[in-house]
Amino acid sequence: MLYNILRDIIVFSLTFIVNFLIVSTFWGLVEMFSPIRWQWLLKGMRYFSIPMTETNIIIVLSTLTLLVPCLLYRTWIMQRYLCWSLNCQKPKGQDAERLNRAMSVVCQKAGLDMSNYNLYVCNTKVLNAFAVGNNNIAVTLPLLNSLDLSEISGILAHELGHIQNRDTNMALLNSTMSSFGNLVVRIYSFITLALQILSFIPIIGWFTAIISWFFVIQIWLFQFLMKLPLHIITMFSSRQDEFEADLYACKIGLGVNLYNGLISITGGEARMGFAARLLSSHPATKQRLERIKNYVQKQEGLA
């Protein structure tokens, strides 16, 4: 318990620091061309006796930009927005029927009300599934169409385990905060594109090309900061979360289903290089399968 709390504090702090650096550069750029003198902001700074300097204005505004939305991170609007940003769509027709049948098996085993959960599909080429927030589960169309019903139930049970273990709450909070850092990166990408178009204009072309490279370097640096450090820090703790979610599926009696489902969706792991396996947020499938097998055997022995 203490380990999880410390882990969440560290991940949250690093997420804030990385996104603060990104957002503050954006507000610093705005301040450079159009000084920020919003009355509500200035009144708030005066109320808390914060010196009215350009640096302090940028620091306060950047902090508010990141922390205020976090107060709403568990609202259905924020969760729906995050699902939309991940290309999640409501299933229709046979896809909806198949997914609902698999989920009904899971909820029946777990003693939960299926109407409390939102199911989505993603039109991507990979076989994958993931949980979002406190009641959203998504599967990719290839997974839905490639696995049989029992295997899909096992995968859904694993994702439900993430929700029941509250693994997704901190992920939702960090994703909410990171969304503003991602927004700044997108704005910079748009500015870079516009500058690259202007670079073809004679005389001013060389000037816009230099500025464009300045933004390109920032974008690369921001993406590096947002992905690599946090990924390296969280991948080890995420592996433990995967084991716990597997255990949840086993406890509700869907361990064999999950075992077979994992074999189906991770067939390409053997072709992964050493670096790819090292940086993966999931533990090696062989480890997971061995643990699931042992737990299922214990359950059968006690039955």
Protein backbone atom coordinates (compact mmCIF):
# COMPACT_ATOMS: atom_id res chain seq x y z
CA MET A 1 0.00 0.00 0.00
CA LEU A 2 2.75 2.45 0.99
CA TYR A 3 4.71 1.49 -2.11
CA ASN A 4 1.73 2.31 -4.35
CA ILE A 5 1.20 5.68 -2.65
CA LEU A 6 4.87 6.63 -3.03
CA ARG A 7 4.83 5.45 -6.65
CA ASP A 8 1.76 7.55 -7.44
CA ILE A 9 3.27 10.63 -5.79
CA ILE A 10 6.50 10.24 -7.77
CA VAL A 11 4.70 9.70 -11.09
CA PHE A 12 2.31 12.61 -10.46
CA SER A 13 5.19 14.92 -9.50
CA LEU A 14 7.21 14.01 -12.57
CA THR A 15 4.17 14.40 -14.82
CA PHE A 16 3.59 17.86 -13.36
CA ILE A 17 7.24 18.92 -13.72
CA VAL A 18 7.50 17.77 -17.34
CA ASN A 19 4.21 19.38 -18.39
CA PHE A 20 4.97 22.53 -16.40
CA LEU A 21 8.16 23.01 -18.40
CA ILE A 22 6.22 22.60 -21.63
CA VAL A 23 3.24 24.80 -20.72
CA SER A 24 5.44 27.53 -19.23
CA THR A 25 7.35 27.87 -22.52
CA PHE A 26 4.01 28.40 -24.28
CA TRP A 27 2.83 31.08 -21.86
CA GLY A 28 6.29 32.64 -22.01
CA LEU A 29 5.93 32.89 -25.78
CA VAL A 30 2.49 34.48 -25.38
CA GLU A 31 3.87 36.92 -22.83
CA MET A 32 6.66 37.89 -25.22
CA PHE A 33 4.28 38.95 -28.01
CA SER A 34 1.17 39.92 -26.03
CA PRO A 35 1.71 40.61 -22.30
CA ILE A 36 -0.72 38.66 -20.09
CA ARG A 37 -2.59 41.09 -17.85
CA TRP A 38 -5.86 39.32 -17.20
CA GLN A 39 -7.70 40.98 -14.32
CA TRP A 40 -8.83 37.77 -12.61
CA LEU A 41 -5.24 36.51 -12.63
CA LEU A 42 -3.79 39.78 -11.33
CA LYS A 43 -6.43 40.01 -8.58
CA GLY A 44 -5.66 36.45 -7.48
CA MET A 45 -1.93 37.16 -7.33
CA ARG A 46 -2.51 40.32 -5.31
CA TYR A 47 -4.78 38.40 -2.93
CA PHE A 48 -2.00 35.90 -2.21
CA SER A 49 0.65 38.66 -2.13
CA ILE A 50 2.55 37.25 -5.11
CA PRO A 51 4.90 39.84 -6.67
CA MET A 52 3.57 41.05 -10.03
CA THR A 53 6.48 40.11 -12.29
CA GLU A 54 6.42 38.51 -15.75
CA THR A 55 8.09 35.37 -14.41
CA ASN A 56 5.58 34.99 -11.58
CA ILE A 57 2.65 35.52 -13.96
CA ILE A 58 3.93 32.71 -16.19
CA ILE A 59 4.55 30.40 -13.20
CA VAL A 60 1.10 31.00 -11.68
CA LEU A 61 -0.73 30.67 -15.00
CA SER A 62 1.17 27.49 -15.92
CA THR A 63 0.37 25.94 -12.52
CA LEU A 64 -3.32 26.77 -12.85
CA THR A 65 -3.40 25.42 -16.41
CA LEU A 66 -2.24 22.03 -15.14
CA LEU A 67 -3.91 21.73 -11.74
CA VAL A 68 -7.40 23.21 -12.22
CA PRO A 69 -8.49 20.60 -14.84
CA CYS A 70 -7.26 17.87 -12.47
CA LEU A 71 -10.14 18.79 -10.15
CA LEU A 72 -12.49 17.53 -12.88
CA TYR A 73 -10.48 14.51 -13.97
CA ARG A 74 -13.04 11.95 -12.75
CA THR A 75 -16.05 13.62 -14.37
CA TRP A 76 -17.74 11.77 -17.23
CA ILE A 77 -16.91 14.63 -19.61
CA MET A 78 -13.18 14.29 -19.01
CA GLN A 79 -13.32 10.50 -19.29
CA ARG A 80 -15.33 10.67 -22.51
CA TYR A 81 -12.85 13.19 -23.90
CA LEU A 82 -9.94 10.89 -23.09
CA CYS A 83 -11.72 7.93 -24.71
CA TRP A 84 -12.35 10.06 -27.80
CA SER A 85 -8.70 11.13 -27.90
CA LEU A 86 -7.75 7.43 -27.92
CA ASN A 87 -9.99 6.83 -30.97
CA CYS A 88 -12.54 4.86 -28.96
CA GLN A 89 -15.99 4.46 -30.49
CA LYS A 90 -19.21 2.85 -29.34
CA PRO A 91 -19.54 -0.63 -30.89
CA LYS A 92 -22.37 -1.26 -33.34
CA GLY A 93 -24.14 -4.25 -34.83
CA GLN A 94 -22.37 -7.59 -34.48
CA ASP A 95 -19.38 -5.96 -32.78
CA ALA A 96 -21.63 -4.61 -30.03
CA GLU A 97 -23.42 -7.94 -29.63
CA ARG A 98 -20.16 -9.89 -29.41
CA LEU A 99 -18.54 -7.49 -26.96
CA ASN A 100 -21.62 -7.32 -24.75
CA ARG A 101 -21.87 -11.11 -24.61
CA ALA A 102 -18.25 -11.38 -23.49
CA MET A 103 -18.67 -8.62 -20.90
CA SER A 104 -21.85 -10.19 -19.53
CA VAL A 105 -19.87 -13.34 -18.71
CA VAL A 106 -17.27 -11.26 -16.83
CA CYS A 107 -19.83 -9.26 -14.85
CA GLN A 108 -21.77 -12.39 -13.96
CA LYS A 109 -18.60 -14.02 -12.63
CA ALA A 110 -17.60 -10.86 -10.74
CA GLY A 111 -21.08 -10.15 -9.39
CA LEU A 112 -21.17 -6.69 -10.98
CA ASP A 113 -23.82 -4.74 -12.86
CA MET A 114 -22.83 -4.59 -16.53
CA SER A 115 -24.74 -1.31 -17.05
CA ASN A 116 -22.15 0.46 -14.88
CA TYR A 117 -19.47 0.01 -17.54
CA ASN A 118 -18.95 1.60 -20.95
CA LEU A 119 -17.56 -0.57 -23.74
CA TYR A 120 -15.67 0.80 -26.74
CA VAL A 121 -13.89 -0.45 -29.84
CA CYS A 122 -10.82 1.03 -31.55
CA ASN A 123 -10.21 0.66 -35.26
CA THR A 124 -6.48 -0.06 -35.10
CA LYS A 125 -4.40 -2.90 -36.54
CA VAL A 126 -3.06 -4.29 -33.25
CA LEU A 127 -4.64 -6.82 -30.90
CA ASN A 128 -5.04 -4.88 -27.70
CA ALA A 129 -7.41 -3.88 -24.90
CA PHE A 130 -7.21 -1.20 -22.22
CA ALA A 131 -9.17 0.41 -19.40
CA VAL A 132 -9.81 4.14 -19.08
CA GLY A 133 -10.95 5.97 -15.95
CA ASN A 134 -13.29 4.27 -13.53
CA ASN A 135 -15.74 2.48 -15.86
CA ASN A 136 -14.51 2.40 -19.47
CA ILE A 137 -13.02 -0.59 -21.30
CA ALA A 138 -11.92 -0.63 -24.94
CA VAL A 139 -10.81 -3.41 -27.25
CA THR A 140 -9.43 -3.16 -30.76
CA LEU A 141 -11.44 -4.55 -33.65
CA PRO A 142 -8.75 -7.12 -34.60
CA LEU A 143 -8.90 -8.52 -31.06
CA LEU A 144 -12.69 -8.61 -31.14
CA ASN A 145 -12.74 -10.40 -34.48
CA SER A 146 -9.77 -12.75 -33.94
CA LEU A 147 -10.36 -14.19 -30.46
CA ASP A 148 -13.21 -16.47 -29.49
CA LEU A 149 -15.80 -15.37 -26.95
CA SER A 150 -14.18 -17.08 -23.96
CA GLU A 151 -10.78 -15.51 -24.71
CA ILE A 152 -12.34 -12.05 -25.04
CA SER A 153 -14.01 -12.58 -21.66
CA GLY A 154 -10.62 -13.37 -20.12
CA ILE A 155 -9.06 -10.20 -21.58
CA LEU A 156 -12.01 -8.09 -20.41
CA ALA A 157 -11.69 -9.61 -16.93
CA HIS A 158 -8.06 -8.46 -16.85
CA GLU A 159 -9.05 -4.90 -17.82
CA LEU A 160 -11.84 -4.93 -15.25
CA GLY A 161 -9.17 -5.91 -12.74
CA HIS A 162 -7.33 -2.67 -13.50
CA ILE A 163 -10.51 -0.72 -12.77
CA GLN A 164 -11.32 -2.64 -9.59
CA ASN A 165 -7.71 -2.22 -8.37
CA ARG A 166 -7.95 1.54 -9.12
CA ASP A 167 -4.92 1.43 -11.40
CA THR A 168 -6.74 3.62 -13.91
CA ASN A 169 -7.50 6.49 -11.51
CA MET A 170 -3.93 7.77 -11.33
CA ALA A 171 -3.44 7.10 -15.03
CA LEU A 172 -6.53 9.21 -15.75
CA LEU A 173 -5.24 12.04 -13.55
CA ASN A 174 -1.83 12.03 -15.23
CA SER A 175 -3.39 11.80 -18.69
CA THR A 176 -5.60 14.79 -17.90
CA MET A 177 -2.55 16.81 -16.93
CA SER A 178 -0.52 15.60 -19.90
CA SER A 179 -3.30 16.53 -22.32
CA PHE A 180 -2.35 20.19 -21.97
CA GLY A 181 1.29 19.45 -22.63
CA ASN A 182 0.19 17.51 -25.72
CA LEU A 183 -1.95 20.48 -26.77
CA VAL A 184 1.09 22.75 -26.65
CA VAL A 185 3.05 20.27 -28.77
CA ARG A 186 0.22 20.26 -31.32
CA ILE A 187 0.15 24.07 -31.39
CA TYR A 188 3.91 24.14 -31.94
CA SER A 189 3.54 21.54 -34.72
CA PHE A 190 0.95 23.75 -36.43
CA ILE A 191 3.24 26.78 -36.12
CA THR A 192 6.11 24.73 -37.56
CA LEU A 193 3.98 23.67 -40.52
CA ALA A 194 2.97 27.28 -41.20
CA LEU A 195 6.59 28.43 -41.02
CA GLN A 196 7.68 25.68 -43.39
CA ILE A 197 5.10 26.86 -45.91
CA LEU A 198 6.34 30.44 -45.55
CA SER A 199 9.93 29.29 -46.02
CA PHE A 200 9.26 29.00 -49.78
CA ILE A 201 8.66 32.74 -50.00
CA PRO A 202 11.75 34.61 -51.29
CA ILE A 203 13.74 36.87 -48.93
CA ILE A 204 11.88 35.91 -45.71
CA GLY A 205 12.26 32.19 -46.40
CA TRP A 206 15.60 31.77 -44.65
CA PHE A 207 14.33 33.61 -41.58
CA THR A 208 11.19 31.48 -41.24
CA ALA A 209 13.25 28.32 -41.83
CA ILE A 210 15.48 29.18 -38.85
CA ILE A 211 12.47 29.83 -36.61
CA SER A 212 10.88 26.60 -37.86
CA TRP A 213 13.92 24.59 -36.78
CA PHE A 214 13.73 26.27 -33.38
CA PHE A 215 10.19 24.92 -32.94
CA VAL A 216 11.13 21.50 -34.34
CA ILE A 217 13.86 21.16 -31.72
CA GLN A 218 11.42 22.15 -28.97
CA ILE A 219 8.83 19.66 -30.19
CA TRP A 220 11.40 16.85 -30.21
CA LEU A 221 12.58 17.82 -26.71
CA PHE A 222 9.03 18.02 -25.36
CA GLN A 223 8.10 14.63 -26.78
CA PHE A 224 11.26 13.15 -25.30
CA LEU A 225 10.47 14.60 -21.87
CA MET A 226 6.84 13.48 -21.93
CA LYS A 227 7.41 9.91 -23.05
CA LEU A 228 10.80 8.51 -22.17
CA PRO A 229 11.46 9.51 -18.51
CA LEU A 230 7.94 8.76 -17.32
CA HIS A 231 7.86 5.53 -19.30
CA ILE A 232 11.11 4.32 -17.75
CA ILE A 233 9.88 5.16 -14.24
CA THR A 234 6.42 3.65 -14.58
CA MET A 235 7.22 0.53 -16.58
CA PHE A 236 8.41 -1.40 -13.53
CA SER A 237 5.41 -0.53 -11.36
CA SER A 238 3.07 -1.06 -14.34
CA ARG A 239 4.34 -4.62 -14.60
CA GLN A 240 3.20 -5.28 -11.03
CA ASP A 241 -0.21 -3.80 -11.89
CA GLU A 242 -0.47 -6.27 -14.77
CA PHE A 243 0.18 -9.19 -12.44
CA GLU A 244 -2.50 -7.92 -10.04
CA ALA A 245 -5.03 -7.53 -12.87
CA ASP A 246 -4.24 -11.08 -14.03
CA LEU A 247 -4.84 -12.27 -10.46
CA TYR A 248 -8.25 -10.56 -10.41
CA ALA A 249 -9.28 -12.43 -13.56
CA CYS A 250 -8.18 -15.69 -11.95
CA LYS A 251 -10.06 -14.98 -8.72
CA ILE A 252 -13.39 -14.53 -10.52
CA GLY A 253 -12.84 -17.81 -12.36
CA LEU A 254 -11.63 -16.63 -15.76
CA GLY A 255 -7.96 -17.50 -15.44
CA VAL A 256 -8.04 -20.15 -18.17
CA ASN A 257 -9.85 -17.72 -20.50
CA LEU A 258 -7.20 -15.08 -19.87
CA TYR A 259 -4.42 -17.63 -20.34
CA ASN A 260 -5.71 -18.60 -23.77
CA GLY A 261 -6.41 -14.98 -24.71
CA LEU A 262 -2.87 -13.88 -23.85
CA ILE A 263 -1.42 -16.62 -26.02
CA SER A 264 -3.54 -15.37 -28.93
CA ILE A 265 -2.74 -11.66 -28.64
CA THR A 266 0.97 -11.85 -27.78
CA GLY A 267 2.20 -14.25 -30.43
CA GLY A 268 4.59 -11.59 -31.73
CA GLU A 269 6.46 -11.17 -28.46
CA ALA A 270 9.04 -13.78 -29.41
CA ARG A 271 10.05 -11.52 -32.30
CA MET A 272 10.59 -8.51 -30.05
CA GLY A 273 14.17 -7.38 -29.54
CA PHE A 274 15.83 -7.15 -26.15
CA ALA A 275 15.40 -3.35 -25.98
CA ALA A 276 11.69 -3.59 -26.85
CA ARG A 277 11.09 -6.14 -24.09
CA LEU A 278 13.10 -4.04 -21.64
CA LEU A 279 11.08 -0.88 -22.33
CA SER A 280 7.73 -2.63 -22.35
CA SER A 281 5.34 -1.60 -19.58
CA HIS A 282 4.03 -5.18 -19.49
CA PRO A 283 5.92 -8.12 -17.97
CA ALA A 284 7.04 -10.93 -20.23
CA THR A 285 4.08 -13.01 -21.36
CA LYS A 286 5.88 -16.17 -20.30
CA GLN A 287 5.99 -14.86 -16.72
CA ARG A 288 2.34 -13.92 -16.77
CA LEU A 289 1.26 -17.26 -18.21
CA GLU A 290 3.28 -19.14 -15.60
CA ARG A 291 1.70 -17.18 -12.75
CA ILE A 292 -1.80 -17.62 -14.15
CA LYS A 293 -1.23 -21.35 -14.60
CA ASN A 294 0.02 -21.74 -11.01
CA TYR A 295 -2.92 -19.82 -9.56
CA VAL A 296 -5.49 -21.76 -11.59
CA GLN A 297 -3.90 -25.04 -10.44
CA LYS A 298 -4.14 -23.89 -6.81
CA GLN A 299 -7.81 -22.99 -7.31
CA GLU A 300 -8.54 -26.41 -8.78
CA GLY A 301 -6.64 -28.08 -5.95
CA LEU A 302 -8.74 -26.26 -3.34
CA ALA A 303 -12.02 -26.97 -5.13
